[in-house]
PDB file of N, CA and C in Angstrom:
ATOM      1  N   ASP A   1     -71.069  68.268 -15.493  1.00  0.00           N
ATOM      2  CA  ASP A   1     -69.931  68.387 -16.392  1.00  0.00           C
ATOM      3  C   ASP A   1     -68.948  67.244 -16.164  1.00  0.00           C
ATOM      4  N   LEU A   2     -68.378  66.796 -17.245  1.00  0.00           N
ATOM      5  CA  LEU A   2     -67.352  65.769 -17.145  1.00  0.00           C
ATOM      6  C   LEU A   2     -65.986  66.434 -17.147  1.00  0.00           C
ATOM      7  N   LEU A   3     -65.290  66.273 -16.062  1.00  0.00           N
ATOM      8  CA  LEU A   3     -63.959  66.854 -15.950  1.00  0.00           C
ATOM      9  C   LEU A   3     -62.926  65.947 -16.606  1.00  0.00           C
ATOM     10  N   HIS A   4     -61.888  66.553 -17.112  1.00  0.00           N
ATOM     11  CA  HIS A   4     -60.793  65.810 -17.731  1.00  0.00           C
ATOM     12  C   HIS A   4     -60.265  64.746 -16.775  1.00  0.00           C
ATOM     13  N   SER A   5     -60.055  65.116 -15.527  1.00  0.00           N
ATOM     14  CA  SER A   5     -59.503  64.174 -14.551  1.00  0.00           C
ATOM     15  C   SER A   5     -60.477  63.048 -14.220  1.00  0.00           C
ATOM     16  N   ALA A   6     -61.759  63.283 -14.369  1.00  0.00           N
ATOM     17  CA  ALA A   6     -62.754  62.260 -14.057  1.00  0.00           C
ATOM     18  C   ALA A   6     -62.949  61.273 -15.195  1.00  0.00           C
ATOM     19  N   THR A   7     -62.587  61.660 -16.394  1.00  0.00           N
ATOM     20  CA  THR A   7     -62.821  60.788 -17.546  1.00  0.00           C
ATOM     21  C   THR A   7     -61.556  60.108 -18.058  1.00  0.00           C
ATOM     22  N   MET A   8     -60.408  60.408 -17.487  1.00  0.00           N
ATOM     23  CA  MET A   8     -59.154  59.788 -17.921  1.00  0.00           C
ATOM     24  C   MET A   8     -58.995  58.420 -17.265  1.00  0.00           C
ATOM     25  N   ILE A   9     -58.562  57.460 -18.041  1.00  0.00           N
ATOM     26  CA  ILE A   9     -58.318  56.115 -17.533  1.00  0.00           C
ATOM     27  C   ILE A   9     -56.850  55.790 -17.774  1.00  0.00           C
ATOM     28  N   ALA A  10     -56.158  55.381 -16.735  1.00  0.00           N
ATOM     29  CA  ALA A  10     -54.744  55.015 -16.870  1.00  0.00           C
ATOM     30  C   ALA A  10     -54.641  53.554 -17.297  1.00  0.00           C
ATOM     31  N   PHE A  11     -53.823  53.284 -18.285  1.00  0.00           N
ATOM     32  CA  PHE A  11     -53.601  51.929 -18.768  1.00  0.00           C
ATOM     33  C   PHE A  11     -52.153  51.542 -18.527  1.00  0.00           C
ATOM     34  N   GLU A  12     -51.950  50.250 -18.346  1.00  0.00           N
ATOM     35  CA  GLU A  12     -50.597  49.726 -18.238  1.00  0.00           C
ATOM     36  C   GLU A  12     -49.901  49.919 -19.586  1.00  0.00           C
ATOM     37  N   PRO A  13     -48.577  49.908 -19.607  1.00  0.00           N
ATOM     38  CA  PRO A  13     -47.881  50.028 -20.890  1.00  0.00           C
ATOM     39  C   PRO A  13     -48.337  48.934 -21.860  1.00  0.00           C
ATOM     40  N   VAL A  14     -48.416  49.289 -23.090  1.00  0.00           N
ATOM     41  CA  VAL A  14     -48.888  48.368 -24.124  1.00  0.00           C
ATOM     42  C   VAL A  14     -47.877  47.248 -24.337  1.00  0.00           C
ATOM     43  N   LEU A  15     -48.393  46.035 -24.496  1.00  0.00           N
ATOM     44  CA  LEU A  15     -47.529  44.905 -24.820  1.00  0.00           C
ATOM     45  C   LEU A  15     -47.122  44.998 -26.285  1.00  0.00           C
ATOM     46  N   PRO A  16     -45.928  44.570 -26.610  1.00  0.00           N
ATOM     47  CA  PRO A  16     -45.536  44.609 -28.024  1.00  0.00           C
ATOM     48  C   PRO A  16     -46.402  43.655 -28.843  1.00  0.00           C
ATOM     49  N   VAL A  17     -46.694  44.050 -30.043  1.00  0.00           N
ATOM     50  CA  VAL A  17     -47.528  43.241 -30.922  1.00  0.00           C
ATOM     51  C   VAL A  17     -46.748  42.000 -31.348  1.00  0.00           C
ATOM     52  N   LEU A  18     -47.376  40.837 -31.213  1.00  0.00           N
ATOM     53  CA  LEU A  18     -46.716  39.597 -31.612  1.00  0.00           C
ATOM     54  C   LEU A  18     -46.877  39.324 -33.099  1.00  0.00           C
ATOM     55  N   ARG A  19     -47.972  39.788 -33.646  1.00  0.00           N
ATOM     56  CA  ARG A  19     -48.207  39.554 -35.066  1.00  0.00           C
ATOM     57  C   ARG A  19     -48.913  40.768 -35.654  1.00  0.00           C
ATOM     58  N   VAL A  20     -48.639  41.034 -36.888  1.00  0.00           N
ATOM     59  CA  VAL A  20     -49.237  42.187 -37.549  1.00  0.00           C
ATOM     60  C   VAL A  20     -49.600  41.812 -38.982  1.00  0.00           C
ATOM     61  N   PRO A  21     -50.676  42.404 -39.499  1.00  0.00           N
ATOM     62  CA  PRO A  21     -50.967  42.173 -40.912  1.00  0.00           C
ATOM     63  C   PRO A  21     -50.040  43.026 -41.770  1.00  0.00           C
ATOM     64  N   ILE A  22     -49.481  42.429 -42.792  1.00  0.00           N
ATOM     65  CA  ILE A  22     -48.643  43.175 -43.727  1.00  0.00           C
ATOM     66  C   ILE A  22     -49.172  42.923 -45.132  1.00  0.00           C
ATOM     67  N   PRO A  23     -48.980  43.872 -46.033  1.00  0.00           N
ATOM     68  CA  PRO A  23     -49.460  43.674 -47.401  1.00  0.00           C
ATOM     69  C   PRO A  23     -48.804  42.451 -48.041  1.00  0.00           C
ATOM     70  N   THR A  24     -49.570  41.748 -48.857  1.00  0.00           N
ATOM     71  CA  THR A  24     -49.030  40.584 -49.548  1.00  0.00           C
ATOM     72  C   THR A  24     -48.065  41.016 -50.639  1.00  0.00           C
ATOM     73  N   GLY A  25     -47.202  40.115 -50.991  1.00  0.00           N
ATOM     74  CA  GLY A  25     -46.257  40.366 -52.069  1.00  0.00           C
ATOM     75  C   GLY A  25     -46.822  39.913 -53.403  1.00  0.00           C
ATOM     76  N   SER A  26     -46.106  40.187 -54.449  1.00  0.00           N
ATOM     77  CA  SER A  26     -46.578  39.834 -55.786  1.00  0.00           C
ATOM     78  C   SER A  26     -46.623  38.323 -56.005  1.00  0.00           C
ATOM     79  N   ASP A  27     -45.839  37.562 -55.237  1.00  0.00           N
ATOM     80  CA  ASP A  27     -45.833  36.108 -55.402  1.00  0.00           C
ATOM     81  C   ASP A  27     -46.814  35.389 -54.474  1.00  0.00           C
ATOM     82  N   ASP A  28     -47.588  36.139 -53.652  1.00  0.00           N
ATOM     83  CA  ASP A  28     -48.586  35.533 -52.766  1.00  0.00           C
ATOM     84  C   ASP A  28     -49.901  35.314 -53.511  1.00  0.00           C
ATOM     85  N   ASP A  29     -50.695  34.372 -53.023  1.00  0.00           N
ATOM     86  CA  ASP A  29     -51.980  34.030 -53.636  1.00  0.00           C
ATOM     87  C   ASP A  29     -52.989  35.158 -53.399  1.00  0.00           C
ATOM     88  N   PRO A  30     -53.421  35.864 -54.448  1.00  0.00           N
ATOM     89  CA  PRO A  30     -54.343  36.992 -54.265  1.00  0.00           C
ATOM     90  C   PRO A  30     -55.729  36.580 -53.769  1.00  0.00           C
ATOM     91  N   SER A  31     -56.103  35.310 -53.930  1.00  0.00           N
ATOM     92  CA  SER A  31     -57.421  34.868 -53.460  1.00  0.00           C
ATOM     93  C   SER A  31     -57.488  34.789 -51.937  1.00  0.00           C
ATOM     94  N   LYS A  32     -56.341  34.835 -51.282  1.00  0.00           N
ATOM     95  CA  LYS A  32     -56.293  34.768 -49.815  1.00  0.00           C
ATOM     96  C   LYS A  32     -56.509  36.123 -49.162  1.00  0.00           C
ATOM     97  N   GLY A  33     -56.525  37.191 -49.947  1.00  0.00           N
ATOM     98  CA  GLY A  33     -56.738  38.527 -49.405  1.00  0.00           C
ATOM     99  C   GLY A  33     -55.512  39.400 -49.562  1.00  0.00           C
ATOM    100  N   PRO A  34     -55.651  40.688 -49.211  1.00  0.00           N
ATOM    101  CA  PRO A  34     -54.563  41.633 -49.438  1.00  0.00           C
ATOM    102  C   PRO A  34     -53.483  41.641 -48.352  1.00  0.00           C
ATOM    103  N   PHE A  35     -53.703  40.898 -47.264  1.00  0.00           N
ATOM    104  CA  PHE A  35     -52.737  40.904 -46.167  1.00  0.00           C
ATOM    105  C   PHE A  35     -52.377  39.489 -45.745  1.00  0.00           C
ATOM    106  N   ILE A  36     -51.199  39.349 -45.159  1.00  0.00           N
ATOM    107  CA  ILE A  36     -50.794  38.102 -44.519  1.00  0.00           C
ATOM    108  C   ILE A  36     -50.469  38.419 -43.066  1.00  0.00           C
ATOM    109  N   LEU A  37     -50.464  37.406 -42.226  1.00  0.00           N
ATOM    110  CA  LEU A  37     -50.168  37.596 -40.812  1.00  0.00           C
ATOM    111  C   LEU A  37     -48.698  37.274 -40.585  1.00  0.00           C
ATOM    112  N   ALA A  38     -47.947  38.241 -40.091  1.00  0.00           N
ATOM    113  CA  ALA A  38     -46.509  38.066 -39.897  1.00  0.00           C
ATOM    114  C   ALA A  38     -46.172  38.064 -38.411  1.00  0.00           C
ATOM    115  N   PHE A  39     -45.269  37.200 -38.033  1.00  0.00           N
ATOM    116  CA  PHE A  39     -44.785  37.123 -36.657  1.00  0.00           C
ATOM    117  C   PHE A  39     -43.364  37.651 -36.616  1.00  0.00           C
ATOM    118  N   LYS A  40     -43.000  38.287 -35.497  1.00  0.00           N
ATOM    119  CA  LYS A  40     -41.672  38.905 -35.439  1.00  0.00           C
ATOM    120  C   LYS A  40     -40.548  37.889 -35.336  1.00  0.00           C
ATOM    121  N   ASP A  41     -40.858  36.700 -34.809  1.00  0.00           N
ATOM    122  CA  ASP A  41     -39.846  35.650 -34.738  1.00  0.00           C
ATOM    123  C   ASP A  41     -40.532  34.300 -34.542  1.00  0.00           C
ATOM    124  N   GLU A  42     -39.742  33.244 -34.586  1.00  0.00           N
ATOM    125  CA  GLU A  42     -40.300  31.895 -34.470  1.00  0.00           C
ATOM    126  C   GLU A  42     -40.925  31.653 -33.096  1.00  0.00           C
ATOM    127  N   ALA A  43     -40.350  32.243 -32.060  1.00  0.00           N
ATOM    128  CA  ALA A  43     -40.883  32.054 -30.707  1.00  0.00           C
ATOM    129  C   ALA A  43     -42.287  32.646 -30.573  1.00  0.00           C
ATOM    130  N   SER A  44     -42.528  33.817 -31.154  1.00  0.00           N
ATOM    131  CA  SER A  44     -43.863  34.416 -31.065  1.00  0.00           C
ATOM    132  C   SER A  44     -44.874  33.608 -31.868  1.00  0.00           C
ATOM    133  N   TRP A  45     -44.451  33.051 -33.002  1.00  0.00           N
ATOM    134  CA  TRP A  45     -45.338  32.182 -33.781  1.00  0.00           C
ATOM    135  C   TRP A  45     -45.682  30.933 -32.973  1.00  0.00           C
ATOM    136  N   SER A  46     -44.680  30.325 -32.364  1.00  0.00           N
ATOM    137  CA  SER A  46     -44.881  29.106 -31.587  1.00  0.00           C
ATOM    138  C   SER A  46     -45.819  29.356 -30.409  1.00  0.00           C
ATOM    139  N   HIS A  47     -45.639  30.472 -29.727  1.00  0.00           N
ATOM    140  CA  HIS A  47     -46.500  30.815 -28.597  1.00  0.00           C
ATOM    141  C   HIS A  47     -47.948  30.985 -29.059  1.00  0.00           C
ATOM    142  N   ALA A  48     -48.147  31.696 -30.156  1.00  0.00           N
ATOM    143  CA  ALA A  48     -49.497  31.910 -30.680  1.00  0.00           C
ATOM    144  C   ALA A  48     -50.132  30.585 -31.093  1.00  0.00           C
ATOM    145  N   TRP A  49     -49.361  29.714 -31.723  1.00  0.00           N
ATOM    146  CA  TRP A  49     -49.870  28.408 -32.153  1.00  0.00           C
ATOM    147  C   TRP A  49     -50.308  27.581 -30.944  1.00  0.00           C
ATOM    148  N   GLN A  50     -49.460  27.522 -29.929  1.00  0.00           N
ATOM    149  CA  GLN A  50     -49.779  26.739 -28.736  1.00  0.00           C
ATOM    150  C   GLN A  50     -51.006  27.300 -28.021  1.00  0.00           C
ATOM    151  N   TYR A  51     -51.116  28.609 -27.950  1.00  0.00           N
ATOM    152  CA  TYR A  51     -52.274  29.237 -27.312  1.00  0.00           C
ATOM    153  C   TYR A  51     -53.560  28.878 -28.058  1.00  0.00           C
ATOM    154  N   CYS A  52     -53.529  28.993 -29.375  1.00  0.00           N
ATOM    155  CA  CYS A  52     -54.714  28.663 -30.178  1.00  0.00           C
ATOM    156  C   CYS A  52     -55.071  27.189 -30.038  1.00  0.00           C
ATOM    157  N   GLU A  53     -54.067  26.350 -30.032  1.00  0.00           N
ATOM    158  CA  GLU A  53     -54.290  24.912 -29.889  1.00  0.00           C
ATOM    159  C   GLU A  53     -54.976  24.603 -28.554  1.00  0.00           C
ATOM    160  N   LYS A  54     -54.526  25.239 -27.482  1.00  0.00           N
ATOM    161  CA  LYS A  54     -55.137  25.037 -26.167  1.00  0.00           C
ATOM    162  C   LYS A  54     -56.581  25.535 -26.151  1.00  0.00           C
ATOM    163  N   GLN A  55     -56.826  26.680 -26.789  1.00  0.00           N
ATOM    164  CA  GLN A  55     -58.182  27.232 -26.837  1.00  0.00           C
ATOM    165  C   GLN A  55     -59.122  26.290 -27.580  1.00  0.00           C
ATOM    166  N   ILE A  56     -58.667  25.748 -28.684  1.00  0.00           N
ATOM    167  CA  ILE A  56     -59.506  24.851 -29.486  1.00  0.00           C
ATOM    168  C   ILE A  56     -59.795  23.563 -28.720  1.00  0.00           C
ATOM    169  N   THR A  57     -58.764  22.959 -28.137  1.00  0.00           N
ATOM    170  CA  THR A  57     -58.984  21.698 -27.420  1.00  0.00           C
ATOM    171  C   THR A  57     -59.843  21.900 -26.175  1.00  0.00           C
ATOM    172  N   SER A  58     -59.729  23.048 -25.520  1.00  0.00           N
ATOM    173  CA  SER A  58     -60.560  23.282 -24.333  1.00  0.00           C
ATOM    174  C   SER A  58     -62.031  23.445 -24.717  1.00  0.00           C
ATOM    175  N   GLN A  59     -62.306  23.933 -25.911  1.00  0.00           N
ATOM    176  CA  GLN A  59     -63.689  24.092 -26.359  1.00  0.00           C
ATOM    177  C   GLN A  59     -64.299  22.762 -26.787  1.00  0.00           C
ATOM    178  N   CYS A  60     -63.460  21.791 -27.094  1.00  0.00           N
ATOM    179  CA  CYS A  60     -63.955  20.488 -27.546  1.00  0.00           C
ATOM    180  C   CYS A  60     -64.215  19.529 -26.389  1.00  0.00           C
ATOM    181  N   LYS A  61     -63.837  19.906 -25.194  1.00  0.00           N
ATOM    182  CA  LYS A  61     -64.020  19.011 -24.039  1.00  0.00           C
ATOM    183  C   LYS A  61     -65.425  19.086 -23.518  1.00  0.00           C
TER     184      LYS A  61
END
C-alpha cells in the first residue's frame, strides 16, 4: 500500500511567474495565434532576453 506520507513530496515555494500568455487584443495580428507573451515589467523582460541570448550563444560554440 502507498501511504499518504510516503507519496507526498515537499516543494520549495513557487517562484513568481515572469511571463504569462494573455489573450490577444482586437488590434493584434491574428495570424500570430490567440495569445501573446506578457512580462510583468521591463526588468523581467530584460532578464529573460539575456538568459535566452546566453543559451543560444552557448549552443553555437
